[in-house]
Amino acid sequence: MPPPSPAPVQRRESAAQKGPRAAEIERVAGRVEDGLRITPEEGLLLHDHADLATLGRLADLVRWRKHPDARVTYIVDRNLNPTNVCITDCGFCAFYRRPKHEESYVLSREVIHQKMDELAALGGRQVLMQGGHHPYLKSDWWCDLLADLRARYPEINLHALSAPEIDHLSRLEKRPVELVIQDLMAAGLGSVPGAGAEMLVERVRRIIAPKKTSTDRWLEVHRRVHEAGLRSSATMMFAHVETGAERIEHLERLRAQQDETGGFTAFACWTMQPDGVPEQHLYPERATPGTYLRVQALSRIYLDNFDNVQTSYVTQGLKMAQITLRFGCNDFGGTMMEENVVSAAGCMNLSPIEAIEKQIERAGFAPRRRNSWYGIVDERHDGPTFPRSREEAATHAAARSPRSEVRA
C-alpha cells in the first residue's frame, strides 16, 4: 500500500483570507496573539490553510514575546565526525559507510586534536560530535575520547552523541541507557544534540529509517538525559514522505515532552536533502523555500514551551536564513567550521563568522555569540553570562525532580 501523499505546500493568500476557512483561521490567529496554546487540530488548520504572511506574522509575534531584545545569537563551533561507519542503513543519508567499506574511517586522535586546535584558535565554544552506529566502538571508546578533549579544551563544550547513538551503545553493551549516560557525563559530555529525530512518527520511520531507534525510544533517551541533568536540543527533518498531520504529530510529541522535562534548549528543522542519497527514488524533489518558511513559522507558533528556535542556513543558505529571523527564529545556530552529513547530499552552505554577523545585522538585529546553553559569551554583551556551564543549565524540571531508578 503506497504511503500517503506528502504534506500540501503553500496555499494562495487570497484563498486563506477570503475562503470558507477564513473565520476559523482568524480565530486561531487570535489565540496565538493572546498567548494561548493551540491544539493539534488548530495547528493543522494553520499548516494547511493559513497564508504564508499570516504564519510569518504570528511566528514573529511569538519570537518577540519570548525575546523582546533585538538580538540574534549564534555559537562558534564545528562539526566533528569521528567515524562514518554506521549499520542502520538510513536511505536518506549519503554520509555513512558500512563497516569495512573502502571509504569508511575512524579518525585518529591526532587528526581530532588538529581539528580541535583550529576551533580553539577561533574562540570556539562547542564541538558537535556524531559518528554513526558503529558496531565496535563502545562507550569506553567514547568516554576515553571525551575525557581527553575535556582535559585539553576545557572552554569547548562537548555536544555529542545523538539519542539513537546513545541507545545503540546501550544495546551493544546490554546495559541500561541511564548507566551509559552517567559514564559519558563523568567523562565530560556537556549536552546532547537532537539529531536522529527525523520525523517522530512510526509510519514515517518504517519507511525512511526502519533500523533506527523508534519514536518512543528517542523521546525516552532524551528524558533520561534530562533527568541526569543534561540539556539537549530537538530537531525535525521534513519534506519527504510525511503528511501535514504527521508534521504536527512530531511537534506535539516534542511539546508534550518539554512540558514534562523542560530539558530542550532549542528546536531546529530543515528540509530533506534528497540528492545522491541511497534511496533517492523514494523522495520528492527538494522542497521549495515557501515550504521551508511555512513549517519553520508553524514550529515557532506550536512549540510555545521552547525558548529558542534555530534557523538552518547550512541547508537553506544565508539569505533564506536571514528571512527566517522574521519567521520565528532567534538563533543562527553554529558557525560549523566543518560539515559532512548534509554536504554529502550536495548541500553545502557554510559561511565565515563575518558573513553570519552581516546577515544578522542586515535583518535589523544585533549578533551575539552564545554558549551551548544560550548564555551570552560576547565581549559586546554588558550583562552576566547565564548559564555558563552544564551544571548551571541543569535547572529544568526533570533535573530538579527525584531521579528515576536505574532499571536492570
Protein backbone atom coordinates (compact mmCIF):
# COMPACT_ATOMS: atom_id res chain seq x y z
CA MET A 1 0.00 0.00 0.00
CA PRO A 2 1.58 3.34 -1.02
CA PRO A 3 2.28 5.94 1.69
CA PRO A 4 0.02 9.00 1.98
CA SER A 5 0.83 11.93 -0.25
CA PRO A 6 3.40 14.44 1.04
CA ALA A 7 2.11 17.41 3.01
CA PRO A 8 0.48 20.17 0.95
CA VAL A 9 2.64 23.13 0.06
CA GLN A 10 1.96 26.85 0.32
CA ARG A 11 -1.63 27.99 -0.38
CA ARG A 12 -2.53 31.22 -2.14
CA GLU A 13 -3.02 34.08 0.28
CA SER A 14 -6.35 35.09 -1.23
CA ALA A 15 -7.81 31.62 -0.60
CA ALA A 16 -6.83 31.77 3.07
CA GLN A 17 -8.00 35.33 3.62
CA LYS A 18 -11.33 35.09 1.79
CA GLY A 19 -12.11 31.39 1.65
CA PRO A 20 -14.52 29.33 3.77
CA ARG A 21 -11.91 28.78 6.49
CA ALA A 22 -11.00 32.47 6.86
CA ALA A 23 -13.04 32.94 10.04
CA GLU A 24 -11.57 29.83 11.64
CA ILE A 25 -8.03 30.88 10.74
CA GLU A 26 -8.72 34.30 12.22
CA ARG A 27 -9.96 32.69 15.43
CA VAL A 28 -6.85 30.54 15.79
CA ALA A 29 -4.63 33.50 14.98
CA GLY A 30 -6.38 35.38 17.78
CA ARG A 31 -5.48 32.63 20.22
CA VAL A 32 -1.83 32.91 19.25
CA GLU A 33 -2.00 36.69 19.59
CA ASP A 34 -3.44 36.24 23.09
CA GLY A 35 -0.61 33.93 24.08
CA LEU A 36 -2.79 30.82 24.24
CA ARG A 37 -1.71 27.31 23.25
CA ILE A 38 -3.14 25.92 20.04
CA THR A 39 -4.34 22.34 19.65
CA PRO A 40 -3.06 19.81 17.11
CA GLU A 41 -6.25 20.37 15.08
CA GLU A 42 -5.65 24.13 15.09
CA GLY A 43 -2.03 23.61 14.16
CA LEU A 44 -3.05 21.51 11.18
CA LEU A 45 -5.55 24.17 10.12
CA LEU A 46 -2.78 26.76 10.08
CA HIS A 47 -0.41 24.38 8.31
CA ASP A 48 -2.86 23.50 5.55
CA HIS A 49 -4.80 26.72 5.05
CA ALA A 50 -3.20 29.83 6.57
CA ASP A 51 -1.37 32.06 4.12
CA LEU A 52 2.39 32.43 4.48
CA ALA A 53 2.17 36.07 5.52
CA THR A 54 -0.13 35.20 8.43
CA LEU A 55 2.16 32.39 9.58
CA GLY A 56 5.17 34.69 9.40
CA ARG A 57 3.40 37.43 11.34
CA LEU A 58 2.31 35.06 14.11
CA ALA A 59 5.72 33.41 14.37
CA ASP A 60 7.41 36.80 14.55
CA LEU A 61 5.00 37.81 17.31
CA VAL A 62 5.87 34.71 19.36
CA ARG A 63 9.56 35.30 18.80
CA TRP A 64 9.40 38.90 20.06
CA ARG A 65 7.27 37.82 23.01
CA LYS A 66 9.98 35.41 24.10
CA HIS A 67 12.93 37.59 23.10
CA PRO A 68 11.98 41.27 23.34
CA ASP A 69 15.56 42.39 22.74
CA ALA A 70 16.64 42.92 19.13
CA ARG A 71 19.31 40.24 19.36
CA VAL A 72 20.11 37.10 17.40
CA THR A 73 22.52 34.58 18.85
CA TYR A 74 24.93 32.12 17.31
CA ILE A 75 27.70 29.83 18.54
CA VAL A 76 31.24 29.39 17.26
CA ASP A 77 31.52 25.65 16.75
CA ARG A 78 32.41 22.92 14.34
CA ASN A 79 31.13 19.52 13.38
CA LEU A 80 33.49 16.66 14.03
CA ASN A 81 32.52 13.20 12.85
CA PRO A 82 34.94 10.73 14.47
CA THR A 83 33.65 7.95 12.23
CA ASN A 84 31.32 7.49 9.28
CA VAL A 85 30.70 3.80 9.98
CA CYS A 86 27.03 3.00 10.56
CA ILE A 87 24.85 -0.09 10.42
CA THR A 88 21.38 1.49 10.38
CA ASP A 89 21.38 1.97 6.59
CA CYS A 90 19.13 5.04 6.52
CA GLY A 91 18.05 5.59 2.95
CA PHE A 92 18.18 9.40 3.27
CA CYS A 93 21.83 9.51 4.42
CA ALA A 94 24.61 9.92 1.86
CA PHE A 95 27.30 10.24 4.56
CA TYR A 96 27.52 6.83 6.19
CA ARG A 97 29.54 3.81 5.07
CA ARG A 98 29.12 0.20 6.11
CA PRO A 99 31.89 -1.49 8.14
CA LYS A 100 34.94 -2.43 6.02
CA HIS A 101 33.80 -0.22 3.13
CA GLU A 102 36.80 1.27 1.35
CA GLU A 103 35.62 4.79 2.26
CA SER A 104 34.87 4.03 5.91
CA TYR A 105 37.04 5.67 8.55
CA VAL A 106 37.70 6.23 12.24
CA LEU A 107 39.66 9.41 12.85
CA SER A 108 42.94 9.16 14.71
CA ARG A 109 43.34 11.12 17.92
CA GLU A 110 45.98 13.22 16.18
CA VAL A 111 43.52 14.34 13.49
CA ILE A 112 40.85 15.06 16.10
CA HIS A 113 43.29 17.20 18.09
CA GLN A 114 44.20 19.14 14.96
CA LYS A 115 40.55 19.91 14.29
CA MET A 116 40.00 20.94 17.89
CA ASP A 117 43.07 23.18 17.81
CA GLU A 118 41.57 25.01 14.82
CA LEU A 119 38.32 25.51 16.71
CA ALA A 120 40.06 26.72 19.86
CA ALA A 121 42.06 29.26 17.84
CA LEU A 122 38.77 30.89 16.78
CA GLY A 123 37.44 31.06 20.32
CA GLY A 124 35.13 28.11 19.72
CA ARG A 125 32.62 27.18 22.39
CA GLN A 126 31.22 23.89 21.14
CA VAL A 127 32.10 20.83 19.14
CA LEU A 128 29.24 18.77 17.72
CA MET A 129 30.44 15.18 17.64
CA GLN A 130 28.41 12.48 15.97
CA GLY A 131 29.53 9.41 14.16
CA GLY A 132 27.15 6.64 13.37
CA HIS A 133 26.04 3.35 14.81
CA HIS A 134 29.49 1.78 14.76
CA PRO A 135 29.26 -1.91 15.72
CA TYR A 136 32.63 -2.00 17.52
CA LEU A 137 33.12 1.43 19.13
CA LYS A 138 31.50 1.15 22.56
CA SER A 139 31.02 3.68 25.33
CA ASP A 140 34.53 3.14 26.73
CA TRP A 141 35.94 4.41 23.41
CA TRP A 142 33.71 7.46 23.56
CA CYS A 143 34.43 8.09 27.24
CA ASP A 144 38.17 7.98 26.60
CA LEU A 145 37.78 10.50 23.77
CA LEU A 146 35.52 12.81 25.77
CA ALA A 147 37.83 12.78 28.80
CA ASP A 148 40.83 13.58 26.62
CA LEU A 149 39.10 16.50 24.89
CA ARG A 150 37.64 17.83 28.12
CA ALA A 151 41.11 17.99 29.68
CA ARG A 152 42.73 19.58 26.62
CA TYR A 153 39.97 22.04 25.70
CA PRO A 154 38.06 22.98 28.87
CA GLU A 155 36.37 26.01 27.24
CA ILE A 156 34.80 23.92 24.47
CA ASN A 157 31.58 22.11 25.33
CA LEU A 158 31.30 18.54 24.11
CA HIS A 159 27.89 18.47 22.42
CA ALA A 160 27.93 14.86 21.38
CA LEU A 161 26.13 11.61 20.62
CA SER A 162 22.53 11.75 19.47
CA ALA A 163 19.80 9.77 21.21
CA PRO A 164 19.95 6.91 18.65
CA GLU A 165 23.72 6.68 19.14
CA ILE A 166 23.35 6.54 22.93
CA ASP A 167 20.62 3.93 22.55
CA HIS A 168 22.91 1.99 20.21
CA LEU A 169 25.63 1.94 22.90
CA SER A 170 23.09 0.73 25.44
CA ARG A 171 22.04 -2.12 23.18
CA LEU A 172 25.59 -3.07 22.24
CA GLU A 173 26.58 -3.31 25.89
CA LYS A 174 23.26 -4.75 27.12
CA ARG A 175 23.01 -2.29 29.98
CA PRO A 176 20.57 0.47 30.92
CA VAL A 177 20.83 3.69 28.96
CA GLU A 178 20.96 5.59 32.26
CA LEU A 179 24.31 3.99 33.07
CA VAL A 180 25.68 4.83 29.63
CA ILE A 181 24.65 8.46 30.12
CA GLN A 182 26.24 8.53 33.59
CA ASP A 183 29.56 7.30 32.20
CA LEU A 184 29.50 9.77 29.33
CA MET A 185 28.74 12.64 31.71
CA ALA A 186 31.56 11.63 34.05
CA ALA A 187 33.92 11.66 31.07
CA GLY A 188 32.88 15.19 30.07
CA LEU A 189 29.73 15.08 27.93
CA GLY A 190 28.17 18.54 28.22
CA SER A 191 24.97 18.34 26.19
CA VAL A 192 23.22 16.11 23.65
CA PRO A 193 22.27 17.10 20.07
CA GLY A 194 18.76 16.48 18.78
CA ALA A 195 19.79 14.56 15.68
CA GLY A 196 18.17 11.28 14.73
CA ALA A 197 14.64 12.52 15.33
CA GLU A 198 13.95 12.80 11.59
CA MET A 199 10.16 12.51 11.92
CA LEU A 200 8.81 11.25 15.25
CA VAL A 201 6.08 9.19 13.60
CA GLU A 202 6.39 5.43 13.33
CA ARG A 203 4.79 5.14 9.88
CA VAL A 204 7.41 7.50 8.52
CA ARG A 205 10.31 5.92 10.39
CA ARG A 206 9.43 2.49 8.98
CA ILE A 207 9.92 3.94 5.50
CA ILE A 208 12.98 6.16 5.89
CA ALA A 209 14.86 4.61 8.84
CA PRO A 210 13.47 1.17 9.75
CA LYS A 211 16.57 0.14 11.73
CA LYS A 212 16.84 3.35 13.74
CA THR A 213 15.59 4.00 17.27
CA SER A 214 11.80 4.26 17.49
CA THR A 215 9.89 7.45 18.28
CA ASP A 216 9.15 6.40 21.85
CA ARG A 217 12.75 5.36 22.43
CA TRP A 218 14.15 8.64 21.02
CA LEU A 219 11.98 10.54 23.47
CA GLU A 220 12.85 8.15 26.31
CA VAL A 221 16.59 8.64 25.83
CA HIS A 222 16.15 12.43 25.91
CA ARG A 223 14.00 12.04 29.03
CA ARG A 224 16.85 10.13 30.73
CA VAL A 225 19.36 12.71 29.50
CA HIS A 226 17.27 15.48 31.07
CA GLU A 227 16.84 13.57 34.32
CA ALA A 228 20.62 13.19 34.51
CA GLY A 229 20.96 16.98 34.45
CA LEU A 230 21.95 17.49 30.82
CA ARG A 231 20.20 19.71 28.31
CA SER A 232 19.58 18.65 24.73
CA SER A 233 18.18 20.08 21.52
CA ALA A 234 15.37 18.82 19.29
CA THR A 235 15.12 18.65 15.51
CA MET A 236 12.86 17.73 12.61
CA MET A 237 13.77 16.73 9.07
CA PHE A 238 10.72 17.20 6.85
CA ALA A 239 9.51 17.38 3.23
CA HIS A 240 9.94 13.74 2.31
CA VAL A 241 7.22 11.08 2.84
CA GLU A 242 5.34 12.63 5.76
CA THR A 243 1.93 14.29 5.71
CA GLY A 244 0.97 17.62 7.22
CA ALA A 245 -0.76 15.85 10.09
CA GLU A 246 2.44 13.90 10.79
CA ARG A 247 4.44 17.11 10.97
CA ILE A 248 2.02 18.29 13.64
CA GLU A 249 2.29 14.93 15.43
CA HIS A 250 6.07 15.37 15.57
CA LEU A 251 5.74 18.85 17.07
CA GLU A 252 3.11 17.64 19.54
CA ARG A 253 5.39 14.86 20.83
CA LEU A 254 8.17 17.37 21.39
CA ARG A 255 5.87 19.89 23.08
CA ALA A 256 4.46 17.25 25.41
CA GLN A 257 7.92 16.09 26.46
CA GLN A 258 9.06 19.67 27.03
CA ASP A 259 6.06 20.14 29.31
CA GLU A 260 7.28 17.13 31.25
CA THR A 261 11.03 17.70 31.48
CA GLY A 262 11.82 21.23 30.31
CA GLY A 263 15.18 19.94 29.13
CA PHE A 264 15.21 21.03 25.47
CA THR A 265 17.20 24.20 24.85
CA ALA A 266 16.16 24.74 21.24
CA PHE A 267 14.42 23.39 18.16
CA ALA A 268 15.76 23.32 14.61
CA CYS A 269 14.20 21.99 11.43
CA TRP A 270 15.33 21.57 7.87
CA THR A 271 14.12 20.09 4.62
CA MET A 272 15.18 16.71 3.34
CA GLN A 273 18.21 16.93 1.02
CA PRO A 274 17.46 14.15 -1.48
CA ASP A 275 20.30 14.49 -3.98
CA GLY A 276 22.55 11.45 -4.12
CA VAL A 277 21.13 9.61 -1.11
CA PRO A 278 20.92 5.79 -1.26
CA GLU A 279 17.13 5.70 -1.69
CA GLN A 280 16.65 8.90 -3.66
CA HIS A 281 13.82 7.30 -5.64
CA LEU A 282 11.62 7.33 -2.52
CA TYR A 283 11.76 11.08 -2.09
CA PRO A 284 10.21 14.03 -3.91
CA GLU A 285 12.17 16.91 -5.37
CA ARG A 286 13.84 19.21 -2.87
CA ALA A 287 11.23 21.32 -1.10
CA THR A 288 10.64 24.93 -2.08
CA PRO A 289 11.68 27.89 0.09
CA GLY A 290 7.98 28.57 0.72
CA THR A 291 7.52 25.11 2.24
CA TYR A 292 10.53 25.62 4.49
CA LEU A 293 9.30 29.03 5.69
CA ARG A 294 5.83 27.65 6.26
CA VAL A 295 6.96 24.84 8.54
CA GLN A 296 9.61 26.97 10.22
CA ALA A 297 6.99 29.56 11.19
CA LEU A 298 4.48 26.95 12.32
CA SER A 299 7.13 25.35 14.52
CA ARG A 300 7.69 28.61 16.35
CA ILE A 301 3.94 29.06 16.83
CA TYR A 302 3.31 25.50 18.00
CA LEU A 303 6.31 24.96 20.29
CA ASP A 304 5.22 27.55 22.82
CA ASN A 305 7.34 25.99 25.58
CA PHE A 306 10.63 26.13 23.63
CA ASP A 307 12.64 29.28 24.29
CA ASN A 308 14.80 29.11 21.17
CA VAL A 309 14.29 28.25 17.53
CA GLN A 310 17.28 27.94 15.20
CA THR A 311 17.40 28.65 11.52
CA SER A 312 19.15 26.21 9.18
CA TYR A 313 21.46 28.24 6.99
CA VAL A 314 23.54 25.16 6.15
CA THR A 315 20.66 23.62 4.19
CA GLN A 316 18.82 26.79 3.15
CA GLY A 317 21.60 29.32 2.61
CA LEU A 318 22.36 32.64 4.29
CA LYS A 319 19.72 34.73 2.54
CA MET A 320 16.89 32.38 3.44
CA ALA A 321 18.21 32.15 6.99
CA GLN A 322 18.04 35.93 7.20
CA ILE A 323 14.37 35.82 6.21
CA THR A 324 13.62 33.24 8.90
CA LEU A 325 14.66 35.77 11.53
CA ARG A 326 11.24 37.32 10.87
CA PHE A 327 9.56 33.91 10.69
CA GLY A 328 10.20 32.95 14.30
CA CYS A 329 13.92 32.23 14.54
CA ASN A 330 16.02 33.94 17.20
CA ASP A 331 19.19 31.90 16.75
CA PHE A 332 21.52 31.36 13.78
CA GLY A 333 22.86 28.05 15.03
CA GLY A 334 26.56 27.31 14.74
CA THR A 335 29.34 28.58 12.52
CA MET A 336 30.10 24.91 11.81
CA MET A 337 33.66 25.13 10.55
CA GLU A 338 33.13 21.67 9.11
CA GLU A 339 30.01 19.83 7.95
CA ASN A 340 29.96 16.38 6.41
CA VAL A 341 26.46 14.95 6.59
CA VAL A 342 24.22 17.25 4.54
CA SER A 343 27.17 18.20 2.33
CA ALA A 344 27.36 14.54 1.30
CA ALA A 345 23.94 15.10 -0.28
CA GLY A 346 25.21 18.04 -2.32
CA CYS A 347 24.17 20.75 0.13
CA MET A 348 26.98 22.93 1.45
CA ASN A 349 26.33 26.47 2.67
CA LEU A 350 28.96 27.05 5.36
CA SER A 351 29.92 30.69 5.91
CA PRO A 352 32.52 32.54 7.99
CA ILE A 353 31.63 34.35 11.18
CA GLU A 354 31.77 37.76 9.48
CA ALA A 355 29.19 36.75 6.87
CA ILE A 356 26.83 35.39 9.52
CA GLU A 357 27.05 38.59 11.56
CA LYS A 358 26.47 40.72 8.47
CA GLN A 359 23.28 38.83 7.62
CA ILE A 360 22.01 39.23 11.18
CA GLU A 361 22.73 42.97 11.16
CA ARG A 362 21.07 43.44 7.76
CA ALA A 363 17.92 41.88 9.21
CA GLY A 364 17.93 44.57 11.90
CA PHE A 365 19.31 42.55 14.80
CA ALA A 366 22.44 42.66 16.93
CA PRO A 367 24.55 39.49 16.61
CA ARG A 368 25.79 37.97 19.86
CA ARG A 369 27.87 34.88 20.48
CA ARG A 370 26.50 32.31 22.93
CA ASN A 371 27.45 29.04 24.55
CA SER A 372 25.67 25.69 24.23
CA TRP A 373 23.11 26.62 26.91
CA TYR A 374 22.26 30.03 25.42
CA GLY A 375 24.31 32.05 27.85
CA ILE A 376 25.78 35.11 26.08
CA VAL A 377 29.60 34.97 25.83
CA ASP A 378 30.19 38.03 23.69
CA GLU A 379 32.51 40.94 24.51
CA ARG A 380 29.75 43.30 23.33
CA HIS A 381 27.40 41.93 25.98
CA ASP A 382 27.18 44.10 29.10
CA GLY A 383 25.25 41.66 31.28
CA PRO A 384 26.05 38.43 33.11
CA THR A 385 26.54 35.10 31.38
CA PHE A 386 23.96 32.57 32.50
CA PRO A 387 24.04 29.67 32.26
CA ARG A 388 27.81 29.33 31.99
CA SER A 389 28.04 25.55 32.23
CA ARG A 390 26.08 22.32 32.09
CA GLU A 391 25.73 22.49 35.88
CA GLU A 392 24.16 25.96 35.79
CA ALA A 393 21.95 24.88 32.89
CA ALA A 394 20.55 21.92 34.84
CA THR A 395 17.67 23.93 36.31
CA HIS A 396 14.93 22.42 34.16
CA ALA A 397 12.05 20.38 35.58
CA ALA A 398 13.49 16.89 35.04
CA ALA A 399 16.82 17.72 36.66
CA ARG A 400 15.06 19.15 39.73
CA SER A 401 12.80 16.13 40.20
CA PRO A 402 13.83 12.93 42.02
CA ARG A 403 15.87 10.71 39.76
CA SER A 404 14.23 7.60 38.41
CA GLU A 405 15.78 4.34 39.49
CA VAL A 406 18.16 2.76 37.01
CA ARG A 407 16.43 -0.23 35.54
CA ALA A 408 18.24 -3.52 35.15
